[in-house]
Amino acid sequence: MGLGVVARDSTGVNLFWKLVQLLKKCPAVVVEVFAAREAIRLVVRQSWQQVILEGDCALLMEKLSAAYLNQSCIRLLVLDTKTLASQLESVSFLFVPRLGNLVVDKPCSLGVEFGRGFP
């Protein structure tokens, strides 16, 4: 199992990739929130201020967009991600079905298949 982050500019050009192999199996929503948090962390590090974060987990995109936190098992990870995102001028969380998100899905699958992350 792995997670992937891809940063693209407004024209769709890839700016960077980050792929991480997870050593333990986790529920998909947990992997998704780790990926979202890592994406926001990398964006903050790059000093970018206007960001659209796309993800293929509708539940997570809903939680990240909500003004409140519910009592879900991922609420602290969601809070951490939202706290990081609050450093940005503008951030939107957008659900994109997996078929529209293949730029991340395929490399992550290959990384897991080969048992290593990509360089």
PDB file of N, CA and C in Angstrom:
ATOM      1  N   MET A   1       0.857  -1.166   0.000  1.00  0.00           N
ATOM      2  CA  MET A   1       0.000   0.000   0.000  1.00  0.00           C
ATOM      3  C   MET A   1       0.901   1.226   0.000  1.00  0.00           C
ATOM      4  N   GLY A   2       0.482   2.233  -0.735  1.00  0.00           N
ATOM      5  CA  GLY A   2       1.281   3.443  -0.803  1.00  0.00           C
ATOM      6  C   GLY A   2       0.409   4.670  -0.942  1.00  0.00           C
ATOM      7  N   LEU A   3       1.059   5.808  -0.818  1.00  0.00           N
ATOM      8  CA  LEU A   3       0.348   7.059  -1.042  1.00  0.00           C
ATOM      9  C   LEU A   3       1.192   7.912  -1.967  1.00  0.00           C
ATOM     10  N   GLY A   4       0.507   8.760  -2.693  1.00  0.00           N
ATOM     11  CA  GLY A   4       1.208   9.607  -3.642  1.00  0.00           C
ATOM     12  C   GLY A   4       0.688  11.023  -3.612  1.00  0.00           C
ATOM     13  N   VAL A   5       1.587  11.944  -3.885  1.00  0.00           N
ATOM     14  CA  VAL A   5       1.260  13.360  -3.961  1.00  0.00           C
ATOM     15  C   VAL A   5       1.867  13.873  -5.257  1.00  0.00           C
ATOM     16  N   VAL A   6       1.074  14.567  -6.041  1.00  0.00           N
ATOM     17  CA  VAL A   6       1.553  15.199  -7.264  1.00  0.00           C
ATOM     18  C   VAL A   6       1.157  16.661  -7.206  1.00  0.00           C
ATOM     19  N   ALA A   7       2.108  17.538  -7.465  1.00  0.00           N
ATOM     20  CA  ALA A   7       1.809  18.974  -7.540  1.00  0.00           C
ATOM     21  C   ALA A   7       1.847  19.378  -9.008  1.00  0.00           C
ATOM     22  N   ARG A   8       0.774  20.047  -9.439  1.00  0.00           N
ATOM     23  CA  ARG A   8       0.699  20.548 -10.816  1.00  0.00           C
ATOM     24  C   ARG A   8       0.383  22.032 -10.775  1.00  0.00           C
ATOM     25  N   ASP A   9       0.840  22.736 -11.793  1.00  0.00           N
ATOM     26  CA  ASP A   9       0.489  24.151 -11.872  1.00  0.00           C
ATOM     27  C   ASP A   9      -0.876  24.307 -12.536  1.00  0.00           C
ATOM     28  N   SER A  10      -1.298  25.545 -12.735  1.00  0.00           N
ATOM     29  CA  SER A  10      -2.643  25.805 -13.259  1.00  0.00           C
ATOM     30  C   SER A  10      -2.831  25.329 -14.692  1.00  0.00           C
ATOM     31  N   THR A  11      -1.738  25.019 -15.394  1.00  0.00           N
ATOM     32  CA  THR A  11      -1.851  24.494 -16.761  1.00  0.00           C
ATOM     33  C   THR A  11      -1.780  22.973 -16.796  1.00  0.00           C
ATOM     34  N   GLY A  12      -1.588  22.342 -15.633  1.00  0.00           N
ATOM     35  CA  GLY A  12      -1.540  20.883 -15.565  1.00  0.00           C
ATOM     36  C   GLY A  12      -0.145  20.295 -15.624  1.00  0.00           C
ATOM     37  N   VAL A  13       0.877  21.125 -15.710  1.00  0.00           N
ATOM     38  CA  VAL A  13       2.256  20.645 -15.754  1.00  0.00           C
ATOM     39  C   VAL A  13       2.663  20.154 -14.364  1.00  0.00           C
ATOM     40  N   ASN A  14       3.236  18.942 -14.317  1.00  0.00           N
ATOM     41  CA  ASN A  14       3.687  18.379 -13.040  1.00  0.00           C
ATOM     42  C   ASN A  14       4.900  19.151 -12.523  1.00  0.00           C
ATOM     43  N   LEU A  15       4.823  19.589 -11.275  1.00  0.00           N
ATOM     44  CA  LEU A  15       5.924  20.311 -10.643  1.00  0.00           C
ATOM     45  C   LEU A  15       6.781  19.384  -9.789  1.00  0.00           C
ATOM     46  N   PHE A  16       6.149  18.454  -9.082  1.00  0.00           N
ATOM     47  CA  PHE A  16       6.893  17.441  -8.343  1.00  0.00           C
ATOM     48  C   PHE A  16       5.974  16.285  -7.971  1.00  0.00           C
ATOM     49  N   TRP A  17       6.601  15.159  -7.649  1.00  0.00           N
ATOM     50  CA  TRP A  17       5.915  13.954  -7.188  1.00  0.00           C
ATOM     51  C   TRP A  17       6.512  13.556  -5.848  1.00  0.00           C
ATOM     52  N   LYS A  18       5.717  12.905  -5.048  1.00  0.00           N
ATOM     53  CA  LYS A  18       6.235  12.235  -3.856  1.00  0.00           C
ATOM     54  C   LYS A  18       5.419  10.965  -3.675  1.00  0.00           C
ATOM     55  N   LEU A  19       6.110   9.841  -3.627  1.00  0.00           N
ATOM     56  CA  LEU A  19       5.468   8.547  -3.425  1.00  0.00           C
ATOM     57  C   LEU A  19       6.045   7.926  -2.162  1.00  0.00           C
ATOM     58  N   VAL A  20       5.176   7.359  -1.345  1.00  0.00           N
ATOM     59  CA  VAL A  20       5.597   6.766  -0.075  1.00  0.00           C
ATOM     60  C   VAL A  20       4.982   5.383   0.047  1.00  0.00           C
ATOM     61  N   GLN A  21       5.816   4.397   0.343  1.00  0.00           N
ATOM     62  CA  GLN A  21       5.308   3.058   0.612  1.00  0.00           C
ATOM     63  C   GLN A  21       4.979   2.966   2.094  1.00  0.00           C
ATOM     64  N   LEU A  22       3.788   2.492   2.407  1.00  0.00           N
ATOM     65  CA  LEU A  22       3.384   2.310   3.798  1.00  0.00           C
ATOM     66  C   LEU A  22       3.725   0.894   4.223  1.00  0.00           C
ATOM     67  N   LEU A  23       4.282   0.763   5.402  1.00  0.00           N
ATOM     68  CA  LEU A  23       4.718  -0.545   5.871  1.00  0.00           C
ATOM     69  C   LEU A  23       3.581  -1.379   6.440  1.00  0.00           C
ATOM     70  N   LYS A  24       2.496  -0.727   6.847  1.00  0.00           N
ATOM     71  CA  LYS A  24       1.341  -1.443   7.380  1.00  0.00           C
ATOM     72  C   LYS A  24       0.122  -1.109   6.546  1.00  0.00           C
ATOM     73  N   LYS A  25      -0.802  -2.053   6.491  1.00  0.00           N
ATOM     74  CA  LYS A  25      -2.073  -1.770   5.819  1.00  0.00           C
ATOM     75  C   LYS A  25      -2.920  -0.895   6.726  1.00  0.00           C
ATOM     76  N   CYS A  26      -3.542   0.092   6.127  1.00  0.00           N
ATOM     77  CA  CYS A  26      -4.401   1.025   6.853  1.00  0.00           C
ATOM     78  C   CYS A  26      -5.711   1.145   6.094  1.00  0.00           C
ATOM     79  N   PRO A  27      -6.770   1.547   6.766  1.00  0.00           N
ATOM     80  CA  PRO A  27      -8.009   1.837   6.041  1.00  0.00           C
ATOM     81  C   PRO A  27      -7.745   2.927   5.000  1.00  0.00           C
ATOM     82  N   ALA A  28      -8.423   2.836   3.875  1.00  0.00           N
ATOM     83  CA  ALA A  28      -8.195   3.768   2.766  1.00  0.00           C
ATOM     84  C   ALA A  28      -8.330   5.224   3.192  1.00  0.00           C
ATOM     85  N   VAL A  29      -9.311   5.537   4.028  1.00  0.00           N
ATOM     86  CA  VAL A  29      -9.513   6.930   4.431  1.00  0.00           C
ATOM     87  C   VAL A  29      -8.326   7.442   5.251  1.00  0.00           C
ATOM     88  N   VAL A  30      -7.670   6.574   5.995  1.00  0.00           N
ATOM     89  CA  VAL A  30      -6.486   6.972   6.766  1.00  0.00           C
ATOM     90  C   VAL A  30      -5.327   7.275   5.812  1.00  0.00           C
ATOM     91  N   VAL A  31      -5.140   6.423   4.809  1.00  0.00           N
ATOM     92  CA  VAL A  31      -4.099   6.669   3.807  1.00  0.00           C
ATOM     93  C   VAL A  31      -4.371   7.986   3.088  1.00  0.00           C
ATOM     94  N   GLU A  32      -5.627   8.222   2.746  1.00  0.00           N
ATOM     95  CA  GLU A  32      -5.998   9.463   2.050  1.00  0.00           C
ATOM     96  C   GLU A  32      -5.707  10.694   2.896  1.00  0.00           C
ATOM     97  N   VAL A  33      -5.994  10.638   4.192  1.00  0.00           N
ATOM     98  CA  VAL A  33      -5.741  11.811   5.033  1.00  0.00           C
ATOM     99  C   VAL A  33      -4.238  12.021   5.228  1.00  0.00           C
ATOM    100  N   PHE A  34      -3.459  10.948   5.302  1.00  0.00           N
ATOM    101  CA  PHE A  34      -2.003  11.103   5.355  1.00  0.00           C
ATOM    102  C   PHE A  34      -1.491  11.760   4.076  1.00  0.00           C
ATOM    103  N   ALA A  35      -2.022  11.349   2.925  1.00  0.00           N
ATOM    104  CA  ALA A  35      -1.609  11.947   1.648  1.00  0.00           C
ATOM    105  C   ALA A  35      -1.979  13.426   1.595  1.00  0.00           C
ATOM    106  N   ALA A  36      -3.183  13.760   2.041  1.00  0.00           N
ATOM    107  CA  ALA A  36      -3.618  15.162   2.042  1.00  0.00           C
ATOM    108  C   ALA A  36      -2.732  15.998   2.961  1.00  0.00           C
ATOM    109  N   ARG A  37      -2.447  15.470   4.130  1.00  0.00           N
ATOM    110  CA  ARG A  37      -1.597  16.204   5.078  1.00  0.00           C
ATOM    111  C   ARG A  37      -0.199  16.408   4.504  1.00  0.00           C
ATOM    112  N   GLU A  38       0.346  15.371   3.879  1.00  0.00           N
ATOM    113  CA  GLU A  38       1.676  15.486   3.272  1.00  0.00           C
ATOM    114  C   GLU A  38       1.662  16.496   2.131  1.00  0.00           C
ATOM    115  N   ALA A  39       0.607  16.493   1.334  1.00  0.00           N
ATOM    116  CA  ALA A  39       0.501  17.459   0.235  1.00  0.00           C
ATOM    117  C   ALA A  39       0.496  18.886   0.768  1.00  0.00           C
ATOM    118  N   ILE A  40      -0.306  19.141   1.786  1.00  0.00           N
ATOM    119  CA  ILE A  40      -0.372  20.488   2.359  1.00  0.00           C
ATOM    120  C   ILE A  40       0.967  20.867   2.987  1.00  0.00           C
ATOM    121  N   ARG A  41       1.613  19.917   3.649  1.00  0.00           N
ATOM    122  CA  ARG A  41       2.929  20.181   4.249  1.00  0.00           C
ATOM    123  C   ARG A  41       3.937  20.597   3.177  1.00  0.00           C
ATOM    124  N   LEU A  42       3.931  19.888   2.039  1.00  0.00           N
ATOM    125  CA  LEU A  42       4.852  20.213   0.950  1.00  0.00           C
ATOM    126  C   LEU A  42       4.525  21.562   0.320  1.00  0.00           C
ATOM    127  N   VAL A  43       3.250  21.876   0.206  1.00  0.00           N
ATOM    128  CA  VAL A  43       2.817  23.165  -0.346  1.00  0.00           C
ATOM    129  C   VAL A  43       3.293  24.306   0.552  1.00  0.00           C
ATOM    130  N   VAL A  44       3.130  24.147   1.855  1.00  0.00           N
ATOM    131  CA  VAL A  44       3.580  25.171   2.802  1.00  0.00           C
ATOM    132  C   VAL A  44       5.094  25.350   2.678  1.00  0.00           C
ATOM    133  N   ARG A  45       5.815  24.243   2.569  1.00  0.00           N
ATOM    134  CA  ARG A  45       7.276  24.304   2.437  1.00  0.00           C
ATOM    135  C   ARG A  45       7.689  25.061   1.166  1.00  0.00           C
ATOM    136  N   GLN A  46       6.908  24.915   0.092  1.00  0.00           N
ATOM    137  CA  GLN A  46       7.209  25.599  -1.170  1.00  0.00           C
ATOM    138  C   GLN A  46       6.789  27.074  -1.152  1.00  0.00           C
ATOM    139  N   SER A  47       6.097  27.487  -0.106  1.00  0.00           N
ATOM    140  CA  SER A  47       5.578  28.857   0.036  1.00  0.00           C
ATOM    141  C   SER A  47       4.525  29.200  -1.014  1.00  0.00           C
ATOM    142  N   TRP A  48       3.825  28.200  -1.506  1.00  0.00           N
ATOM    143  CA  TRP A  48       2.704  28.459  -2.409  1.00  0.00           C
ATOM    144  C   TRP A  48       1.532  28.903  -1.553  1.00  0.00           C
ATOM    145  N   GLN A  49       0.698  29.768  -2.070  1.00  0.00           N
ATOM    146  CA  GLN A  49      -0.371  30.337  -1.260  1.00  0.00           C
ATOM    147  C   GLN A  49      -1.776  30.003  -1.734  1.00  0.00           C
ATOM    148  N   GLN A  50      -1.941  29.660  -3.005  1.00  0.00           N
ATOM    149  CA  GLN A  50      -3.268  29.346  -3.537  1.00  0.00           C
ATOM    150  C   GLN A  50      -3.250  27.922  -4.072  1.00  0.00           C
ATOM    151  N   VAL A  51      -4.027  27.062  -3.442  1.00  0.00           N
ATOM    152  CA  VAL A  51      -3.932  25.629  -3.706  1.00  0.00           C
ATOM    153  C   VAL A  51      -5.311  25.007  -3.845  1.00  0.00           C
ATOM    154  N   ILE A  52      -5.417  24.077  -4.782  1.00  0.00           N
ATOM    155  CA  ILE A  52      -6.586  23.200  -4.873  1.00  0.00           C
ATOM    156  C   ILE A  52      -6.067  21.795  -4.621  1.00  0.00           C
ATOM    157  N   LEU A  53      -6.526  21.176  -3.551  1.00  0.00           N
ATOM    158  CA  LEU A  53      -6.123  19.815  -3.234  1.00  0.00           C
ATOM    159  C   LEU A  53      -7.200  18.877  -3.762  1.00  0.00           C
ATOM    160  N   GLU A  54      -6.809  17.974  -4.657  1.00  0.00           N
ATOM    161  CA  GLU A  54      -7.737  17.004  -5.227  1.00  0.00           C
ATOM    162  C   GLU A  54      -7.506  15.649  -4.573  1.00  0.00           C
ATOM    163  N   GLY A  55      -8.583  14.941  -4.314  1.00  0.00           N
ATOM    164  CA  GLY A  55      -8.487  13.605  -3.759  1.00  0.00           C
ATOM    165  C   GLY A  55      -9.653  12.753  -4.215  1.00  0.00           C
ATOM    166  N   ASP A  56      -9.449  11.437  -4.225  1.00  0.00           N
ATOM    167  CA  ASP A  56     -10.508  10.547  -4.710  1.00  0.00           C
ATOM    168  C   ASP A  56     -11.316   9.917  -3.577  1.00  0.00           C
ATOM    169  N   CYS A  57     -11.225  10.489  -2.394  1.00  0.00           N
ATOM    170  CA  CYS A  57     -12.025  10.035  -1.251  1.00  0.00           C
ATOM    171  C   CYS A  57     -13.026  11.140  -0.908  1.00  0.00           C
ATOM    172  N   ALA A  58     -14.256  10.974  -1.367  1.00  0.00           N
ATOM    173  CA  ALA A  58     -15.287  12.003  -1.164  1.00  0.00           C
ATOM    174  C   ALA A  58     -15.484  12.309   0.318  1.00  0.00           C
ATOM    175  N   LEU A  59     -15.462  11.284   1.159  1.00  0.00           N
ATOM    176  CA  LEU A  59     -15.646  11.474   2.598  1.00  0.00           C
ATOM    177  C   LEU A  59     -14.580  12.411   3.170  1.00  0.00           C
ATOM    178  N   LEU A  60     -13.329  12.201   2.793  1.00  0.00           N
ATOM    179  CA  LEU A  60     -12.253  13.044   3.307  1.00  0.00           C
ATOM    180  C   LEU A  60     -12.364  14.470   2.776  1.00  0.00           C
ATOM    181  N   MET A  61     -12.653  14.626   1.496  1.00  0.00           N
ATOM    182  CA  MET A  61     -12.776  15.978   0.936  1.00  0.00           C
ATOM    183  C   MET A  61     -13.904  16.738   1.639  1.00  0.00           C
ATOM    184  N   GLU A  62     -14.971  16.014   1.983  1.00  0.00           N
ATOM    185  CA  GLU A  62     -16.082  16.620   2.726  1.00  0.00           C
ATOM    186  C   GLU A  62     -15.626  17.051   4.122  1.00  0.00           C
ATOM    187  N   LYS A  63     -14.873  16.183   4.808  1.00  0.00           N
ATOM    188  CA  LYS A  63     -14.400  16.499   6.162  1.00  0.00           C
ATOM    189  C   LYS A  63     -13.423  17.674   6.148  1.00  0.00           C
ATOM    190  N   LEU A  64     -12.552  17.723   5.147  1.00  0.00           N
ATOM    191  CA  LEU A  64     -11.593  18.821   5.066  1.00  0.00           C
ATOM    192  C   LEU A  64     -12.274  20.146   4.727  1.00  0.00           C
ATOM    193  N   SER A  65     -13.377  20.088   4.006  1.00  0.00           N
ATOM    194  CA  SER A  65     -14.110  21.299   3.617  1.00  0.00           C
ATOM    195  C   SER A  65     -15.055  21.794   4.704  1.00  0.00           C
ATOM    196  N   ALA A  66     -15.425  20.920   5.624  1.00  0.00           N
ATOM    197  CA  ALA A  66     -16.418  21.267   6.648  1.00  0.00           C
ATOM    198  C   ALA A  66     -15.864  22.287   7.642  1.00  0.00           C
ATOM    199  N   ALA A  67     -16.749  23.104   8.160  1.00  0.00           N
ATOM    200  CA  ALA A  67     -16.363  24.121   9.146  1.00  0.00           C
ATOM    201  C   ALA A  67     -16.222  23.525  10.545  1.00  0.00           C
ATOM    202  N   TYR A  68     -16.688  22.315  10.737  1.00  0.00           N
ATOM    203  CA  TYR A  68     -16.667  21.677  12.051  1.00  0.00           C
ATOM    204  C   TYR A  68     -16.001  20.310  11.937  1.00  0.00           C
ATOM    205  N   LEU A  69     -15.597  19.754  13.073  1.00  0.00           N
ATOM    206  CA  LEU A  69     -15.043  18.399  13.123  1.00  0.00           C
ATOM    207  C   LEU A  69     -16.043  17.499  13.818  1.00  0.00           C
ATOM    208  N   ASN A  70     -16.305  16.352  13.224  1.00  0.00           N
ATOM    209  CA  ASN A  70     -17.178  15.401  13.908  1.00  0.00           C
ATOM    210  C   ASN A  70     -16.316  14.418  14.701  1.00  0.00           C
ATOM    211  N   GLN A  71     -16.912  13.414  15.262  1.00  0.00           N
ATOM    212  CA  GLN A  71     -16.210  12.477  16.133  1.00  0.00           C
ATOM    213  C   GLN A  71     -15.666  11.262  15.388  1.00  0.00           C
ATOM    214  N   SER A  72     -15.235  11.436  14.150  1.00  0.00           N
ATOM    215  CA  SER A  72     -14.710  10.303  13.389  1.00  0.00           C
ATOM    216  C   SER A  72     -13.332   9.901  13.917  1.00  0.00           C
ATOM    217  N   CYS A  73     -12.895   8.714  13.524  1.00  0.00           N
ATOM    218  CA  CYS A  73     -11.605   8.197  13.987  1.00  0.00           C
ATOM    219  C   CYS A  73     -10.428   8.957  13.378  1.00  0.00           C
ATOM    220  N   ILE A  74     -10.662   9.741  12.339  1.00  0.00           N
ATOM    221  CA  ILE A  74      -9.570  10.487  11.708  1.00  0.00           C
ATOM    222  C   ILE A  74      -9.608  11.977  12.045  1.00  0.00           C
ATOM    223  N   ARG A  75     -10.431  12.367  13.001  1.00  0.00           N
ATOM    224  CA  ARG A  75     -10.632  13.798  13.261  1.00  0.00           C
ATOM    225  C   ARG A  75      -9.338  14.526  13.618  1.00  0.00           C
ATOM    226  N   LEU A  76      -8.422  13.887  14.355  1.00  0.00           N
ATOM    227  CA  LEU A  76      -7.182  14.568  14.719  1.00  0.00           C
ATOM    228  C   LEU A  76      -6.275  14.757  13.507  1.00  0.00           C
ATOM    229  N   LEU A  77      -6.255  13.775  12.609  1.00  0.00           N
ATOM    230  CA  LEU A  77      -5.481  13.927  11.374  1.00  0.00           C
ATOM    231  C   LEU A  77      -6.093  15.001  10.484  1.00  0.00           C
ATOM    232  N   VAL A  78      -7.419  15.050  10.435  1.00  0.00           N
ATOM    233  CA  VAL A  78      -8.113  16.091   9.670  1.00  0.00           C
ATOM    234  C   VAL A  78      -7.802  17.455  10.283  1.00  0.00           C
ATOM    235  N   LEU A  79      -7.857  17.557  11.600  1.00  0.00           N
ATOM    236  CA  LEU A  79      -7.552  18.819  12.276  1.00  0.00           C
ATOM    237  C   LEU A  79      -6.121  19.261  11.975  1.00  0.00           C
ATOM    238  N   ASP A  80      -5.183  18.331  12.026  1.00  0.00           N
ATOM    239  CA  ASP A  80      -3.785  18.643  11.731  1.00  0.00           C
ATOM    240  C   ASP A  80      -3.644  19.168  10.299  1.00  0.00           C
ATOM    241  N   THR A  81      -4.323  18.525   9.358  1.00  0.00           N
ATOM    242  CA  THR A  81      -4.274  18.943   7.956  1.00  0.00           C
ATOM    243  C   THR A  81      -4.881  20.328   7.783  1.00  0.00           C
ATOM    244  N   LYS A  82      -6.026  20.561   8.430  1.00  0.00           N
ATOM    245  CA  LYS A  82      -6.679  21.870   8.337  1.00  0.00           C
ATOM    246  C   LYS A  82      -5.838  22.964   8.997  1.00  0.00           C
ATOM    247  N   THR A  83      -5.153  22.630  10.075  1.00  0.00           N
ATOM    248  CA  THR A  83      -4.282  23.598  10.739  1.00  0.00           C
ATOM    249  C   THR A  83      -3.131  23.994   9.817  1.00  0.00           C
ATOM    250  N   LEU A  84      -2.518  23.015   9.162  1.00  0.00           N
ATOM    251  CA  LEU A  84      -1.474  23.318   8.180  1.00  0.00           C
ATOM    252  C   LEU A  84      -2.035  24.182   7.053  1.00  0.00           C
ATOM    253  N   ALA A  85      -3.217  23.823   6.564  1.00  0.00           N
ATOM    254  CA  ALA A  85      -3.836  24.542   5.446  1.00  0.00           C
ATOM    255  C   ALA A  85      -4.191  25.979   5.816  1.00  0.00           C
ATOM    256  N   SER A  86      -4.400  26.244   7.098  1.00  0.00           N
ATOM    257  CA  SER A  86      -4.761  27.602   7.522  1.00  0.00           C
ATOM    258  C   SER A  86      -3.618  28.594   7.303  1.00  0.00           C
ATOM    259  N   GLN A  87      -2.415  28.091   7.043  1.00  0.00           N
ATOM    260  CA  GLN A  87      -1.272  28.958   6.746  1.00  0.00           C
ATOM    261  C   GLN A  87      -1.316  29.500   5.319  1.00  0.00           C
ATOM    262  N   LEU A  88      -2.213  28.950   4.501  1.00  0.00           N
ATOM    263  CA  LEU A  88      -2.299  29.332   3.092  1.00  0.00           C
ATOM    264  C   LEU A  88      -3.311  30.449   2.891  1.00  0.00           C
ATOM    265  N   GLU A  89      -3.094  31.233   1.860  1.00  0.00           N
ATOM    266  CA  GLU A  89      -4.027  32.303   1.511  1.00  0.00           C
ATOM    267  C   GLU A  89      -5.368  31.734   1.058  1.00  0.00           C
ATOM    268  N   SER A  90      -5.308  30.667   0.254  1.00  0.00           N
ATOM    269  CA  SER A  90      -6.526  30.063  -0.286  1.00  0.00           C
ATOM    270  C   SER A  90      -6.297  28.575  -0.500  1.00  0.00           C
ATOM    271  N   VAL A  91      -7.208  27.763   0.011  1.00  0.00           N
ATOM    272  CA  VAL A  91      -7.133  26.319  -0.218  1.00  0.00           C
ATOM    273  C   VAL A  91      -8.541  25.787  -0.426  1.00  0.00           C
ATOM    274  N   SER A  92      -8.678  24.949  -1.442  1.00  0.00           N
ATOM    275  CA  SER A  92      -9.951  24.285  -1.732  1.00  0.00           C
ATOM    276  C   SER A  92      -9.696  22.791  -1.766  1.00  0.00           C
ATOM    277  N   PHE A  93     -10.667  22.036  -1.305  1.00  0.00           N
ATOM    278  CA  PHE A  93     -10.576  20.578  -1.312  1.00  0.00           C
ATOM    279  C   PHE A  93     -11.601  20.063  -2.311  1.00  0.00           C
ATOM    280  N   LEU A  94     -11.135  19.327  -3.308  1.00  0.00           N
ATOM    281  CA  LEU A  94     -11.977  18.931  -4.430  1.00  0.00           C
ATOM    282  C   LEU A  94     -11.960  17.420  -4.615  1.00  0.00           C
ATOM    283  N   PHE A  95     -13.144  16.815  -4.633  1.00  0.00           N
ATOM    284  CA  PHE A  95     -13.253  15.384  -4.919  1.00  0.00           C
ATOM    285  C   PHE A  95     -13.073  15.160  -6.416  1.00  0.00           C
ATOM    286  N   VAL A  96     -12.168  14.245  -6.768  1.00  0.00           N
ATOM    287  CA  VAL A  96     -11.935  13.849  -8.156  1.00  0.00           C
ATOM    288  C   VAL A  96     -11.997  12.327  -8.192  1.00  0.00           C
ATOM    289  N   PRO A  97     -12.924  11.743  -8.969  1.00  0.00           N
ATOM    290  CA  PRO A  97     -12.998  10.278  -9.038  1.00  0.00           C
ATOM    291  C   PRO A  97     -11.654   9.675  -9.452  1.00  0.00           C
ATOM    292  N   ARG A  98     -11.406   8.460  -9.022  1.00  0.00           N
ATOM    293  CA  ARG A  98     -10.122   7.803  -9.277  1.00  0.00           C
ATOM    294  C   ARG A  98      -9.730   7.835 -10.749  1.00  0.00           C
ATOM    295  N   LEU A  99     -10.677   7.674 -11.652  1.00  0.00           N
ATOM    296  CA  LEU A  99     -10.341   7.707 -13.078  1.00  0.00           C
ATOM    297  C   LEU A  99      -9.760   9.053 -13.484  1.00  0.00           C
ATOM    298  N   GLY A 100     -10.120  10.106 -12.782  1.00  0.00           N
ATOM    299  CA  GLY A 100      -9.557  11.418 -13.062  1.00  0.00           C
ATOM    300  C   GLY A 100      -8.279  11.675 -12.293  1.00  0.00           C
ATOM    301  N   ASN A 101      -7.856  10.698 -11.515  1.00  0.00           N
ATOM    302  CA  ASN A 101      -6.719  10.873 -10.622  1.00  0.00           C
ATOM    303  C   ASN A 101      -5.634   9.832 -10.903  1.00  0.00           C
ATOM    304  N   LEU A 102      -5.600   9.308 -12.129  1.00  0.00           N
ATOM    305  CA  LEU A 102      -4.667   8.241 -12.472  1.00  0.00           C
ATOM    306  C   LEU A 102      -3.212   8.689 -12.443  1.00  0.00           C
ATOM    307  N   VAL A 103      -2.975   9.992 -12.516  1.00  0.00           N
ATOM    308  CA  VAL A 103      -1.606  10.494 -12.481  1.00  0.00           C
ATOM    309  C   VAL A 103      -0.916  10.100 -11.172  1.00  0.00           C
ATOM    310  N   VAL A 104      -1.672   9.894 -10.111  1.00  0.00           N
ATOM    311  CA  VAL A 104      -1.118   9.449  -8.828  1.00  0.00           C
ATOM    312  C   VAL A 104      -1.331   7.957  -8.627  1.00  0.00           C
ATOM    313  N   ASP A 105      -2.481   7.447  -9.019  1.00  0.00           N
ATOM    314  CA  ASP A 105      -2.856   6.065  -8.730  1.00  0.00           C
ATOM    315  C   ASP A 105      -1.890   5.050  -9.338  1.00  0.00           C
ATOM    316  N   LYS A 106      -1.553   5.197 -10.593  1.00  0.00           N
ATOM    317  CA  LYS A 106      -0.708   4.206 -11.265  1.00  0.00           C
ATOM    318  C   LYS A 106       0.703   4.138 -10.674  1.00  0.00           C
ATOM    319  N   PRO A 107       1.404   5.269 -10.503  1.00  0.00           N
ATOM    320  CA  PRO A 107       2.740   5.171  -9.892  1.00  0.00           C
ATOM    321  C   PRO A 107       2.721   4.562  -8.495  1.00  0.00           C
ATOM    322  N   CYS A 108       1.700   4.877  -7.692  1.00  0.00           N
ATOM    323  CA  CYS A 108       1.605   4.289  -6.348  1.00  0.00           C
ATOM    324  C   CYS A 108       1.429   2.786  -6.437  1.00  0.00           C
ATOM    325  N   SER A 109       0.585   2.340  -7.361  1.00  0.00           N
ATOM    326  CA  SER A 109       0.365   0.904  -7.540  1.00  0.00           C
ATOM    327  C   SER A 109       1.660   0.218  -7.945  1.00  0.00           C
ATOM    328  N   LEU A 110       2.419   0.821  -8.844  1.00  0.00           N
ATOM    329  CA  LEU A 110       3.687   0.236  -9.275  1.00  0.00           C
ATOM    330  C   LEU A 110       4.690   0.207  -8.133  1.00  0.00           C
ATOM    331  N   GLY A 111       4.713   1.262  -7.328  1.00  0.00           N
ATOM    332  CA  GLY A 111       5.628   1.299  -6.189  1.00  0.00           C
ATOM    333  C   GLY A 111       5.357   0.173  -5.221  1.00  0.00           C
ATOM    334  N   VAL A 112       4.097  -0.108  -4.984  1.00  0.00           N
ATOM    335  CA  VAL A 112       3.717  -1.198  -4.090  1.00  0.00           C
ATOM    336  C   VAL A 112       4.040  -2.534  -4.741  1.00  0.00           C
ATOM    337  N   GLU A 113       3.768  -2.643  -6.046  1.00  0.00           N
ATOM    338  CA  GLU A 113       4.025  -3.880  -6.772  1.00  0.00           C
ATOM    339  C   GLU A 113       5.502  -4.255  -6.708  1.00  0.00           C
ATOM    340  N   PHE A 114       6.384  -3.265  -6.875  1.00  0.00           N
ATOM    341  CA  PHE A 114       7.811  -3.530  -6.846  1.00  0.00           C
ATOM    342  C   PHE A 114       8.378  -3.566  -5.433  1.00  0.00           C
ATOM    343  N   GLY A 115       7.566  -3.161  -4.447  1.00  0.00           N
ATOM    344  CA  GLY A 115       8.010  -3.215  -3.063  1.00  0.00           C
ATOM    345  C   GLY A 115       8.892  -2.055  -2.636  1.00  0.00           C
ATOM    346  N   ARG A 116       8.976  -1.052  -3.482  1.00  0.00           N
ATOM    347  CA  ARG A 116       9.793   0.120  -3.162  1.00  0.00           C
ATOM    348  C   ARG A 116       9.110   1.364  -3.687  1.00  0.00           C
ATOM    349  N   GLY A 117       9.481   2.477  -3.126  1.00  0.00           N
ATOM    350  CA  GLY A 117       9.033   3.747  -3.685  1.00  0.00           C
ATOM    351  C   GLY A 117       9.874   4.078  -4.905  1.00  0.00           C
ATOM    352  N   PHE A 118       9.487   5.068  -5.633  1.00  0.00           N
ATOM    353  CA  PHE A 118      10.264   5.519  -6.772  1.00  0.00           C
ATOM    354  C   PHE A 118      11.267   6.550  -6.303  1.00  0.00           C
ATOM    355  N   PRO A 119      12.382   6.677  -7.036  1.00  0.00           N
ATOM    356  CA  PRO A 119      13.386   7.680  -6.633  1.00  0.00           C
ATOM    357  C   PRO A 119      12.840   9.085  -6.723  1.00  0.00           C
TER     358      PRO A 119
END
